[in-house]
Amino acid sequence: MFKIQHFTDELVLSKAPKIQAKIGLTHQGGRLKCLSFKDTPIIDDLENKTYDKSHAGAILFPFVNRIKEGQYDFAGQSYQLECNEPGCGNAIHGLVFNKTFEIEETEEKSDYAKVKLSYIEKDPPQGFPFQYKINLTYTLTEASLSLKLEVKNIDKTPFLFNTGWHPYFCVSNFDTDFLGFKTDKQVIFNDKMIALGTAKALIANPYSLKNKTLDDCFVLSDKAVEFYTDHYKATITGRPKSDFLQIYAPPGEKRLAIEPMTGISDSFNHKKGIQILKPNEIKTETWTIDLS
């Protein structure tokens, strides 16, 4: 039987000894803190940075990655987001990573555990002055975890957005672990990681992590991304709009961010991957991690 335990600021979904997931609540944006499978850590926090610096496991909304200097135009209006990336002067990782999500529903069954969380933005910042509701539904089975993100526009006007997820996967060995994904285009950045466009991706599949400084984004031609380590294999899939993959290895950590995204850096300006949500309209994105 699967179990759900509610502690002060986190939920634990588990079926011992097969699988366990921890979800952060208070000022953590409903993030996935940890995932383990057969006593093997799959996803975890960084060892040398706290969550407010790493945003490990964060849900990215209403924008992914960065917005150049926090500035953008929409529907004839100019907006200024808070620039929360020290040293670069950009807005980074969206607006919900530090929000407190409430528990709406929990379900314990013999073959899965499910929890639904929600956050309602009623007092939005000037840089994104729109009201919305977000539902997060985590479903844990014996060999998978899925996260369904549902966004509803509860404002009187449309707004632009994209979504992403920022989990850090545990690396066994950068010399031997590798990724498998299909792409023919890579995003080109400037020195502050602002997207300038795309170019032909000249990479091998499988994609070795050895001797690479990893902070790259690719346009996926197949939504499935596979991560092979010495201890486990994970297949990460995002649907329907996760057409982009950001990968990032923070210095001095045995972690790899594998980020499925529906847009890319500075999307509020160049509009690549942007969606428009009308009043009372709902859109969803689901990310699934299958383990073996």
Foldseek 3Di string as FASTA:
>chain_A
DWDWDDDDFWIWIDDPPAKIWIFGFAQQLRFTAWIDGNNHTWFHDWPPDDCVVQVARHKAPQEAAWAQLQWFDDPHDIARDQQDDPPRNINHRHDRRGHGWAWDDWDDDPFKIKTKTKDWDPCDDRRFRFTKMWIWMWMDGSFKIKIKIKIAGQGQFKDKGKIKTWTKTFAPDLQPKWKAFDAQKWFDADPSRATDGIDGDPADGRHGSPPDQFWTKTFGPAQWMWIDHPPKIKIKGKDDQQRMWTWHDDPPTRIITTMRIQAGGNCSHVVRSMDMHGHRRMDMMMMMIGMD
